[in-house]
Amino acid sequence: MYVKFEYLPSNSRVWVYQSEREFSDQEINFIAEKAIDFIDQWTKHGSNLKGSFTFKYNQFLVLAVDEGFNNVSGCSIDSSVRFVKELETSLEVDMMNKMNISFKDGDRINIVKMSDFKEFTKSNKITSETIVFNNMVSTIDELETQWEVSVNDSWHKRFLVS
């Protein structure tokens, strides 16, 4: 059952999918329509899930579920992954590559391969103060407080040269 993202409690579970590029307005509308349809049919063993989605920077799709209403299961998570893979195919975009790292360069969002990220830290193109996106956050509260952080305050810190 779809609800507006802002109506979900802060402890709702989230999954962040980063696109390799920014979505166009037309693509945002397409994804939104498909996401509402998907969430309206999203279930756990036949029981409805209360969920939503939002976009960040027109490049990140965030799916969310209120587990206080009904917990997700492996099957329901699998169905959400299939949904995102269908979006990838329809839009010809990569949203599932966990080896890509996203960071800010001024107002611009950059997504690079992990190997390039490591090289950028060696050459000081990325420093401890560079803002990165921690797509491993698991709740709306973490999304709001721990998703967009400096390298020094994230798991990306391990790539910094000592």
Foldseek 3Di string as FASTA:
>chain_A
DEDEPVPADQFWWKFKWFWQDADDPVLVVVLQVLQVVCQVVQDAVPHHWYKYWDDDPSGMIMITTRCVVPNHDPVSVVVVVVSVVVSCVVVVIHGPPPQWWWWDDDPDIHIDGVVVVLVCLVVVVADQQTWTADSPDTGNNCNVPPGTGGCVSDPVVVSHDD
